[in-house]
Amino acid sequence: MCRYRWAALVLLPLIPSAAMAETRLDLDACVRRALESNRGMQIQRELEEKAGYRVREAWAGAFPQINFGGSVAHNFQIQSTVITAPDSTGELAEQEITFGAENELQAAFQLRQPIWVGGKVGAAVRGARHFSRQSAGETSFTEQGVVLQAKALYYTAVLQREEIAAFLAARDRAARSLEMTELRAESGLLSDFEVLRARTELANLQVPLMNAESAFEEAIDRLQVFLALPMAESVILEGDLDYMPVPAEAAKRRHSLAKEIRPDWLALNEAVGLQKQLLRIARGDRFPSFYLTGSYGWFGFSDDFQFNDISDFSTAAVEVSFPIWTSGATTARVRQARSDLAIVHLQLEQLDSEIEREVREAENAMRTGERRVEATGESWDLAKRAAEIAELRFENGLLSQVALLDAQDSLTEARVAHLRALSDALIARASWERAVGHAYGEPW
């Protein structure tokens, strides 16, 4: 028992460090982790793999099916008949003849090969291929959605981190202003009212700072859940809110290609092909089916389960089945397939309009975001220059405290506004990328 206690004392200091493992995330690591670990992405990949098995299943319908079966039966009453025939003495007498024995054994291999089944096998194979490509398109579209969500969560978390830095810088400026105000008040240049106001300004910054810290923690929690990261891990964000505008020519080119490359549009086109094949399968039930069948097996009879005398047999046949009347079931299936095909065509037309609308809205939001970044960036530059001049003039006694505090407040507001404009613009650009079918890592 003593050595276990010593082991516990040795390992105890290591437990907190192991529990607080750190994960460093930049934008690229965030997106790649999301594509690998996001549960929705994993589900869609399983669905795509499942669609691939549909192709194999459809091909199986074109090849022979071979089965093996057998049976052992016991006859409680053996079939028999009575005939009149000469006996051993030559006289006519009634004799009982039995057919079979008390026990019967039978085993056989059976083969069934479709020759022609109304074109349903070929249609099933083509339909399965359409379904597989449709599933692949849906996976790509899901990937783009995951990328958009990962970017939005990352940019939001970085924004909250930068807001904390902005309010910390504002608190440092307010502390310096309070120090200067107190020194000038001690010299009799300012009143106690100015000191009280400077202290109030410093205290007022605690609330937005705490709000930013709380928002940052919530943003990190949402990011960890989305990336399937253990909540016990400490996440350290790397990178900044760097925005690069999309060139106008690239945006115009991607706009014209959106309907041709968006994976959801491609997937719905494959759905059209799938419904056409399903309609052909439904129509195939109206035609005859031809199968080649064959069997090879063994049978034997015995009264004592010895089965010493076993014979083999083999058969071959062409089986034909022609539907004459199905109580309207085939017609109903054909009409259902036609309705499904018409629905998919209407969905495709609707998606055409939706894509055009989404791309236009995304472009407008992206351009608006770019203008906001430019405007708030210019305001921030002006506010920084104004704050620097105000602090210098206040130190030299050429500016009132009210004007200094106003300049510092304007600087904080301008910086926060610029940070939020950068985050909104980056999210708007990520939304535009998804709207035009831009894959992650693909050049514009």
Protein backbone atom coordinates (compact mmCIF):
# COMPACT_ATOMS: atom_id res chain seq x y z
CA MET A 1 0.00 0.00 0.00
CA CYS A 2 2.88 2.36 0.82
CA ARG A 3 4.39 2.19 -2.66
CA TYR A 4 1.00 3.02 -4.22
CA ARG A 5 0.88 6.17 -2.10
CA TRP A 6 4.33 7.17 -3.31
CA ALA A 7 3.25 6.55 -6.91
CA ALA A 8 0.21 8.76 -6.37
CA LEU A 9 2.37 11.54 -4.95
CA VAL A 10 4.70 11.34 -7.94
CA LEU A 11 1.90 11.34 -10.55
CA LEU A 12 -0.33 13.94 -8.89
CA PRO A 13 1.61 17.00 -10.15
CA LEU A 14 1.37 15.64 -13.70
CA ILE A 15 -2.42 15.33 -13.74
CA PRO A 16 -3.31 19.06 -14.06
CA SER A 17 -0.84 19.59 -16.88
CA ALA A 18 -2.22 16.62 -18.79
CA ALA A 19 -5.81 17.76 -18.24
CA MET A 20 -5.02 21.28 -19.47
CA ALA A 21 -3.53 20.33 -22.81
CA GLU A 22 -3.21 23.22 -25.23
CA THR A 23 -4.44 23.31 -28.81
CA ARG A 24 -3.20 26.07 -31.09
CA LEU A 25 -5.52 26.98 -33.93
CA ASP A 26 -5.06 29.26 -36.88
CA LEU A 27 -7.62 29.50 -39.67
CA ASP A 28 -6.17 26.64 -41.72
CA ALA A 29 -5.91 24.30 -38.73
CA CYS A 30 -9.44 25.21 -37.69
CA VAL A 31 -10.91 24.40 -41.11
CA ARG A 32 -8.96 21.18 -41.54
CA ARG A 33 -9.92 19.96 -38.09
CA ALA A 34 -13.56 20.74 -38.85
CA LEU A 35 -13.46 18.73 -42.09
CA GLU A 36 -11.89 15.79 -40.27
CA SER A 37 -13.75 15.75 -36.97
CA ASN A 38 -17.10 17.50 -37.40
CA ARG A 39 -19.89 14.99 -36.74
CA GLY A 40 -22.09 16.24 -39.56
CA MET A 41 -19.20 15.83 -41.98
CA GLN A 42 -18.56 12.29 -40.77
CA ILE A 43 -22.23 11.39 -41.22
CA GLN A 44 -22.22 12.69 -44.80
CA ARG A 45 -19.09 10.69 -45.63
CA GLU A 46 -20.80 7.54 -44.35
CA LEU A 47 -23.79 8.30 -46.58
CA GLU A 48 -21.47 8.71 -49.57
CA GLU A 49 -19.82 5.38 -48.83
CA LYS A 50 -23.25 3.80 -48.49
CA ALA A 51 -24.16 5.15 -51.95
CA GLY A 52 -21.12 3.39 -53.39
CA TYR A 53 -22.45 0.09 -52.12
CA ARG A 54 -25.70 0.77 -53.99
CA VAL A 55 -23.72 0.51 -57.24
CA ARG A 56 -22.32 -2.86 -56.22
CA GLU A 57 -25.78 -4.04 -55.24
CA ALA A 58 -27.19 -2.97 -58.62
CA TRP A 59 -24.44 -4.80 -60.52
CA ALA A 60 -25.22 -7.95 -58.56
CA GLY A 61 -28.59 -8.10 -60.29
CA ALA A 62 -26.86 -8.75 -63.63
CA PHE A 63 -24.89 -11.77 -62.45
CA PRO A 64 -26.01 -15.29 -61.55
CA GLN A 65 -27.24 -16.14 -58.10
CA ILE A 66 -26.07 -19.51 -56.77
CA ASN A 67 -27.65 -21.08 -53.73
CA PHE A 68 -27.23 -24.35 -51.91
CA GLY A 69 -30.03 -26.03 -50.05
CA GLY A 70 -31.07 -29.35 -48.73
CA SER A 71 -33.53 -31.19 -46.53
CA VAL A 72 -33.97 -34.36 -44.51
CA ALA A 73 -37.59 -35.50 -44.17
CA HIS A 74 -39.25 -38.30 -42.23
CA ASN A 75 -42.43 -39.85 -43.68
CA PHE A 76 -44.82 -40.91 -40.94
CA GLN A 77 -47.00 -42.54 -43.56
CA ILE A 78 -45.42 -43.83 -46.74
CA GLN A 79 -47.47 -43.52 -49.90
CA SER A 80 -48.57 -46.89 -51.24
CA THR A 81 -51.03 -48.52 -53.63
CA VAL A 82 -52.54 -51.99 -54.07
CA ILE A 83 -52.38 -53.83 -57.41
CA THR A 84 -53.40 -57.29 -58.59
CA ALA A 85 -50.46 -59.23 -59.93
CA PRO A 86 -49.13 -62.83 -60.04
CA ASP A 87 -47.43 -63.88 -56.88
CA SER A 88 -44.45 -66.22 -56.54
CA THR A 89 -46.65 -69.23 -57.32
CA GLY A 90 -48.06 -67.64 -60.46
CA GLU A 91 -51.49 -67.00 -59.03
CA LEU A 92 -53.12 -63.58 -59.12
CA ALA A 93 -53.14 -61.83 -55.78
CA GLU A 94 -53.40 -58.32 -54.35
CA GLN A 95 -50.00 -56.80 -53.59
CA GLU A 96 -49.14 -53.48 -51.82
CA ILE A 97 -46.48 -51.38 -53.44
CA THR A 98 -44.87 -48.50 -51.49
CA PHE A 99 -43.28 -45.40 -52.97
CA GLY A 100 -40.22 -44.11 -51.10
CA ALA A 101 -38.94 -44.86 -47.65
CA GLU A 102 -39.39 -43.60 -44.14
CA ASN A 103 -36.54 -41.07 -44.53
CA GLU A 104 -35.63 -38.90 -47.52
CA LEU A 105 -32.49 -36.86 -48.13
CA GLN A 106 -32.14 -34.16 -50.77
CA ALA A 107 -29.44 -31.52 -51.43
CA ALA A 108 -28.79 -29.35 -54.48
CA PHE A 109 -26.96 -26.35 -55.93
CA GLN A 110 -29.33 -23.96 -57.71
CA LEU A 111 -28.36 -21.31 -60.27
CA ARG A 112 -30.55 -18.43 -61.49
CA GLN A 113 -29.19 -16.13 -64.22
CA PRO A 114 -31.27 -13.21 -65.53
CA ILE A 115 -31.30 -13.08 -69.33
CA TRP A 116 -33.61 -10.08 -69.81
CA VAL A 117 -35.88 -8.52 -67.21
CA GLY A 118 -37.42 -5.62 -69.06
CA GLY A 119 -34.24 -3.50 -68.97
CA LYS A 120 -34.48 -3.12 -65.19
CA VAL A 121 -30.97 -4.35 -64.42
CA GLY A 122 -29.24 -1.84 -66.70
CA ALA A 123 -31.46 0.95 -65.43
CA ALA A 124 -30.66 -0.04 -61.84
CA VAL A 125 -26.91 0.13 -62.51
CA ARG A 126 -27.16 3.53 -64.20
CA GLY A 127 -29.44 4.79 -61.44
CA ALA A 128 -27.02 3.63 -58.76
CA ARG A 129 -24.20 5.50 -60.48
CA HIS A 130 -26.30 8.67 -60.55
CA PHE A 131 -27.08 8.17 -56.87
CA SER A 132 -23.39 7.74 -56.04
CA ARG A 133 -22.45 10.94 -57.88
CA GLN A 134 -25.37 12.73 -56.24
CA SER A 135 -24.11 11.68 -52.83
CA ALA A 136 -20.59 12.85 -53.70
CA GLY A 137 -21.99 16.26 -54.68
CA GLU A 138 -23.92 16.47 -51.42
CA THR A 139 -20.72 15.65 -49.54
CA SER A 140 -18.88 18.49 -51.31
CA PHE A 141 -21.71 20.89 -50.52
CA THR A 142 -21.67 19.79 -46.88
CA GLU A 143 -17.90 20.36 -46.82
CA GLN A 144 -18.39 23.92 -48.03
CA GLY A 145 -21.00 24.49 -45.34
CA VAL A 146 -18.64 23.15 -42.68
CA VAL A 147 -15.87 25.41 -43.96
CA LEU A 148 -18.20 28.43 -43.75
CA GLN A 149 -19.23 27.57 -40.19
CA ALA A 150 -15.64 26.97 -39.12
CA LYS A 151 -14.54 30.31 -40.58
CA ALA A 152 -17.43 32.18 -38.98
CA LEU A 153 -16.72 30.67 -35.55
CA TYR A 154 -12.98 31.34 -35.90
CA TYR A 155 -13.43 34.95 -37.00
CA THR A 156 -15.93 35.57 -34.21
CA ALA A 157 -13.52 34.20 -31.60
CA VAL A 158 -10.62 36.25 -33.00
CA LEU A 159 -12.86 39.34 -32.96
CA GLN A 160 -13.63 38.83 -29.28
CA ARG A 161 -9.94 38.35 -28.54
CA GLU A 162 -9.07 41.58 -30.35
CA GLU A 163 -11.87 43.45 -28.58
CA ILE A 164 -10.37 42.38 -25.27
CA ALA A 165 -7.03 43.81 -26.43
CA ALA A 166 -8.76 47.05 -27.50
CA PHE A 167 -10.44 47.52 -24.12
CA LEU A 168 -7.21 46.64 -22.29
CA ALA A 169 -5.41 49.32 -24.32
CA ALA A 170 -8.22 51.76 -23.51
CA ARG A 171 -7.85 50.92 -19.81
CA ASP A 172 -4.12 51.56 -19.99
CA ARG A 173 -4.75 54.96 -21.61
CA ALA A 174 -7.36 55.79 -18.99
CA ALA A 175 -4.90 54.81 -16.23
CA ARG A 176 -2.23 57.08 -17.71
CA SER A 177 -4.74 59.90 -17.97
CA LEU A 178 -5.73 59.39 -14.33
CA GLU A 179 -2.08 59.50 -13.29
CA MET A 180 -1.49 62.73 -15.20
CA THR A 181 -4.70 64.22 -13.81
CA GLU A 182 -3.73 63.37 -10.24
CA LEU A 183 -0.27 64.91 -10.71
CA ARG A 184 -1.74 68.12 -12.10
CA ALA A 185 -4.37 68.20 -9.33
CA GLU A 186 -1.59 67.95 -6.73
CA SER A 187 0.02 70.98 -8.40
CA GLY A 188 -3.26 72.85 -8.21
CA LEU A 189 -3.75 72.94 -11.96
CA LEU A 190 -6.86 70.73 -11.92
CA SER A 191 -9.68 70.27 -9.45
CA ASP A 192 -10.79 67.17 -7.59
CA PHE A 193 -13.74 67.00 -10.01
CA GLU A 194 -11.36 66.27 -12.92
CA VAL A 195 -9.70 63.53 -10.82
CA LEU A 196 -13.08 62.01 -10.01
CA ARG A 197 -14.07 62.09 -13.66
CA ALA A 198 -10.82 60.37 -14.72
CA ARG A 199 -11.42 57.64 -12.13
CA THR A 200 -14.98 57.21 -13.38
CA GLU A 201 -13.74 56.87 -16.95
CA LEU A 202 -11.31 54.13 -15.84
CA ALA A 203 -14.02 52.30 -13.88
CA ASN A 204 -16.47 52.48 -16.79
CA LEU A 205 -14.10 50.44 -18.94
CA GLN A 206 -14.42 47.40 -16.67
CA VAL A 207 -17.91 46.52 -17.92
CA PRO A 208 -17.14 46.32 -21.68
CA LEU A 209 -13.90 44.51 -20.85
CA MET A 210 -15.74 41.87 -18.81
CA ASN A 211 -18.39 41.55 -21.54
CA ALA A 212 -15.67 41.00 -24.14
CA GLU A 213 -13.97 38.37 -21.96
CA SER A 214 -17.27 36.54 -21.43
CA ALA A 215 -18.07 36.68 -25.16
CA PHE A 216 -14.60 35.33 -25.93
CA GLU A 217 -15.09 32.35 -23.62
CA GLU A 218 -18.46 31.58 -25.22
CA ALA A 219 -16.95 31.85 -28.71
CA ILE A 220 -14.17 29.44 -27.76
CA ASP A 221 -16.69 26.98 -26.30
CA ARG A 222 -18.76 27.03 -29.50
CA LEU A 223 -15.62 26.52 -31.57
CA GLN A 224 -14.50 23.58 -29.44
CA VAL A 225 -17.89 21.88 -29.74
CA PHE A 226 -17.95 22.37 -33.51
CA LEU A 227 -14.42 20.99 -33.88
CA ALA A 228 -15.12 18.08 -31.49
CA LEU A 229 -12.33 19.24 -29.19
CA PRO A 230 -12.36 18.17 -25.53
CA MET A 231 -13.76 20.99 -23.43
CA ALA A 232 -10.94 20.47 -20.92
CA GLU A 233 -8.36 21.58 -23.51
CA SER A 234 -7.09 25.13 -23.59
CA VAL A 235 -7.47 26.68 -27.05
CA ILE A 236 -5.01 29.34 -28.16
CA LEU A 237 -6.02 31.25 -31.28
CA GLU A 238 -3.35 32.30 -33.72
CA GLY A 239 -3.73 34.72 -36.59
CA ASP A 240 -5.40 38.08 -37.07
CA LEU A 241 -8.36 39.58 -38.89
CA ASP A 242 -6.53 40.12 -42.17
CA TYR A 243 -8.86 40.97 -45.05
CA MET A 244 -8.00 40.76 -48.73
CA PRO A 245 -10.66 42.01 -51.18
CA VAL A 246 -11.76 39.73 -54.00
CA PRO A 247 -10.81 41.25 -57.38
CA ALA A 248 -13.81 42.39 -59.39
CA GLU A 249 -12.86 40.24 -62.41
CA ALA A 250 -12.58 37.13 -60.24
CA ALA A 251 -15.97 37.83 -58.64
CA LYS A 252 -17.57 38.30 -62.06
CA ARG A 253 -16.05 35.08 -63.40
CA ARG A 254 -17.14 33.05 -60.39
CA HIS A 255 -20.64 34.50 -60.68
CA SER A 256 -21.02 33.19 -64.21
CA LEU A 257 -19.72 29.72 -63.24
CA ALA A 258 -21.74 29.31 -60.04
CA LYS A 259 -24.53 27.22 -61.59
CA GLU A 260 -22.06 24.93 -63.30
CA ILE A 261 -19.74 24.19 -60.38
CA ARG A 262 -21.89 24.42 -57.24
CA PRO A 263 -21.99 20.89 -55.81
CA ASP A 264 -25.64 21.12 -54.75
CA TRP A 265 -26.62 22.01 -58.34
CA LEU A 266 -24.53 19.12 -59.69
CA ALA A 267 -26.06 16.77 -57.11
CA LEU A 268 -29.59 17.76 -58.12
CA ASN A 269 -28.75 17.13 -61.77
CA GLU A 270 -27.65 13.64 -60.80
CA ALA A 271 -30.97 13.28 -58.96
CA VAL A 272 -32.72 14.00 -62.28
CA GLY A 273 -30.76 11.19 -63.91
CA LEU A 274 -31.59 8.88 -61.02
CA GLN A 275 -35.33 9.54 -61.30
CA LYS A 276 -35.21 8.85 -65.05
CA GLN A 277 -33.71 5.42 -64.36
CA LEU A 278 -36.27 4.74 -61.64
CA LEU A 279 -38.99 5.51 -64.18
CA ARG A 280 -37.44 2.98 -66.57
CA ILE A 281 -37.37 0.38 -63.81
CA ALA A 282 -41.05 0.97 -63.10
CA ARG A 283 -41.88 0.60 -66.80
CA GLY A 284 -39.84 -2.62 -66.94
CA ASP A 285 -42.48 -4.35 -64.82
CA ARG A 286 -44.75 -4.29 -67.89
CA PHE A 287 -42.44 -6.55 -69.92
CA PRO A 288 -41.69 -10.26 -69.65
CA SER A 289 -38.70 -11.54 -67.71
CA PHE A 290 -36.41 -14.34 -68.88
CA TYR A 291 -34.20 -16.35 -66.54
CA LEU A 292 -31.88 -19.28 -67.08
CA THR A 293 -32.17 -21.72 -64.19
CA GLY A 294 -30.28 -24.87 -63.41
CA SER A 295 -29.64 -27.21 -60.53
CA TYR A 296 -27.40 -30.10 -59.60
CA GLY A 297 -28.03 -32.23 -56.55
CA TRP A 298 -28.43 -35.52 -54.79
CA PHE A 299 -31.31 -37.50 -53.29
CA GLY A 300 -31.67 -40.75 -51.42
CA PHE A 301 -34.12 -42.92 -49.43
CA SER A 302 -33.58 -44.91 -46.30
CA ASP A 303 -35.56 -46.55 -43.52
CA ASP A 304 -32.63 -46.40 -41.04
CA PHE A 305 -30.82 -43.11 -41.93
CA GLN A 306 -27.97 -44.96 -43.63
CA PHE A 307 -28.57 -43.49 -47.11
CA ASN A 308 -26.17 -45.87 -48.81
CA ASP A 309 -27.87 -45.57 -52.19
CA ILE A 310 -27.73 -41.87 -53.20
CA SER A 311 -28.44 -40.72 -56.76
CA ASP A 312 -27.56 -37.41 -58.36
CA PHE A 313 -29.61 -35.29 -60.74
CA SER A 314 -29.19 -32.16 -62.87
CA THR A 315 -31.67 -29.88 -64.60
CA ALA A 316 -31.62 -26.79 -66.83
CA ALA A 317 -34.50 -24.58 -67.92
CA VAL A 318 -35.46 -21.20 -69.28
CA GLU A 319 -38.01 -19.52 -67.07
CA VAL A 320 -40.37 -16.91 -68.56
CA SER A 321 -42.66 -14.66 -66.57
CA PHE A 322 -45.11 -12.33 -68.30
CA PRO A 323 -47.20 -9.90 -66.22
CA ILE A 324 -50.79 -10.00 -67.45
CA TRP A 325 -52.68 -8.23 -64.68
CA THR A 326 -51.21 -6.65 -61.50
CA SER A 327 -54.36 -4.91 -60.28
CA GLY A 328 -52.97 -1.56 -61.42
CA ALA A 329 -49.84 -1.74 -59.22
CA THR A 330 -47.43 -1.32 -62.15
CA THR A 331 -49.32 1.66 -63.55
CA ALA A 332 -49.34 3.28 -60.10
CA ARG A 333 -45.56 2.81 -59.74
CA VAL A 334 -44.96 4.32 -63.20
CA ARG A 335 -47.08 7.35 -62.39
CA GLN A 336 -45.30 7.81 -59.05
CA ALA A 337 -41.95 7.72 -60.83
CA ARG A 338 -43.17 10.33 -63.33
CA SER A 339 -44.31 12.59 -60.49
CA ASP A 340 -40.95 12.19 -58.73
CA LEU A 341 -39.16 13.13 -61.94
CA ALA A 342 -41.36 16.20 -62.42
CA ILE A 343 -40.69 17.24 -58.80
CA VAL A 344 -36.92 17.02 -59.25
CA HIS A 345 -37.14 19.10 -62.45
CA LEU A 346 -39.07 21.77 -60.56
CA GLN A 347 -36.55 21.65 -57.72
CA LEU A 348 -33.74 22.18 -60.21
CA GLU A 349 -35.50 25.20 -61.71
CA GLN A 350 -36.05 26.57 -58.21
CA LEU A 351 -32.39 26.01 -57.33
CA ASP A 352 -31.33 27.95 -60.45
CA SER A 353 -33.19 30.99 -59.14
CA GLU A 354 -31.95 30.46 -55.59
CA ILE A 355 -28.33 30.31 -56.71
CA GLU A 356 -28.69 33.56 -58.65
CA ARG A 357 -30.26 35.25 -55.63
CA GLU A 358 -27.68 33.88 -53.18
CA VAL A 359 -24.76 34.96 -55.34
CA ARG A 360 -26.14 38.48 -55.77
CA GLU A 361 -26.82 38.85 -52.05
CA ALA A 362 -23.40 37.47 -51.16
CA GLU A 363 -21.69 39.86 -53.58
CA ASN A 364 -23.59 42.85 -52.18
CA ALA A 365 -22.75 41.84 -48.60
CA MET A 366 -19.11 41.32 -49.50
CA ARG A 367 -18.79 44.70 -51.26
CA THR A 368 -20.59 46.42 -48.40
CA GLY A 369 -18.18 44.77 -45.99
CA GLU A 370 -15.21 45.98 -48.01
CA ARG A 371 -16.48 49.56 -47.94
CA ARG A 372 -17.05 49.32 -44.18
CA VAL A 373 -13.49 48.05 -43.67
CA GLU A 374 -12.12 50.93 -45.70
CA ALA A 375 -14.28 53.54 -43.92
CA THR A 376 -13.66 52.28 -40.41
CA GLY A 377 -9.95 51.87 -41.13
CA GLU A 378 -9.73 55.50 -42.15
CA SER A 379 -11.69 56.55 -39.04
CA TRP A 380 -9.36 54.52 -36.84
CA ASP A 381 -6.27 56.15 -38.37
CA LEU A 382 -7.76 59.60 -37.78
CA ALA A 383 -8.76 58.69 -34.23
CA LYS A 384 -5.25 57.47 -33.44
CA ARG A 385 -3.72 60.73 -34.66
CA ALA A 386 -6.30 62.76 -32.75
CA ALA A 387 -5.68 60.79 -29.52
CA GLU A 388 -1.91 61.22 -29.82
CA ILE A 389 -2.26 64.98 -30.30
CA ALA A 390 -4.78 65.22 -27.46
CA GLU A 391 -2.52 63.41 -25.00
CA LEU A 392 0.45 65.58 -25.96
CA ARG A 393 -1.54 68.80 -25.63
CA PHE A 394 -3.03 67.64 -22.31
CA GLU A 395 0.44 66.95 -20.92
CA ASN A 396 1.47 70.48 -21.90
CA GLY A 397 -1.64 72.00 -20.38
CA LEU A 398 -3.06 73.08 -23.74
CA LEU A 399 -6.15 70.85 -23.75
CA SER A 400 -8.96 70.25 -21.31
CA GLN A 401 -9.59 66.89 -19.68
CA VAL A 402 -12.99 66.66 -21.35
CA ALA A 403 -11.43 66.91 -24.79
CA LEU A 404 -8.80 64.30 -23.88
CA LEU A 405 -11.40 61.80 -22.67
CA ASP A 406 -13.51 62.38 -25.78
CA ALA A 407 -10.49 61.71 -28.02
CA GLN A 408 -9.67 58.51 -26.13
CA ASP A 409 -13.28 57.29 -26.24
CA SER A 410 -13.39 58.00 -29.98
CA LEU A 411 -10.20 55.99 -30.45
CA THR A 412 -11.64 52.96 -28.62
CA GLU A 413 -14.93 53.17 -30.52
CA ALA A 414 -13.12 53.51 -33.85
CA ARG A 415 -10.87 50.51 -33.14
CA VAL A 416 -13.77 48.28 -32.07
CA ALA A 417 -15.82 49.40 -35.08
CA HIS A 418 -12.93 48.56 -37.40
CA LEU A 419 -12.45 45.13 -35.81
CA ARG A 420 -16.13 44.32 -36.19
CA ALA A 421 -16.09 45.53 -39.79
CA LEU A 422 -13.13 43.23 -40.51
CA SER A 423 -14.88 40.24 -38.93
CA ASP A 424 -18.14 40.92 -40.78
CA ALA A 425 -16.28 41.37 -44.07
CA LEU A 426 -14.37 38.10 -43.63
CA ILE A 427 -17.57 36.19 -42.84
CA ALA A 428 -19.30 37.85 -45.82
CA ARG A 429 -16.44 36.77 -48.08
CA ALA A 430 -16.68 33.20 -46.74
CA SER A 431 -20.44 33.25 -47.48
CA TRP A 432 -19.73 34.49 -51.00
CA GLU A 433 -17.22 31.68 -51.52
CA ARG A 434 -19.85 29.12 -50.65
CA ALA A 435 -22.48 30.84 -52.81
CA VAL A 436 -20.26 30.61 -55.90
CA GLY A 437 -19.09 27.06 -55.15
CA HIS A 438 -15.54 28.02 -54.17
CA ALA A 439 -13.74 25.09 -52.53
CA TYR A 440 -11.42 25.71 -49.61
CA GLY A 441 -7.85 26.33 -50.77
CA GLU A 442 -8.92 26.90 -54.38
CA PRO A 443 -7.54 30.10 -55.96
CA TRP A 444 -10.04 32.76 -57.03
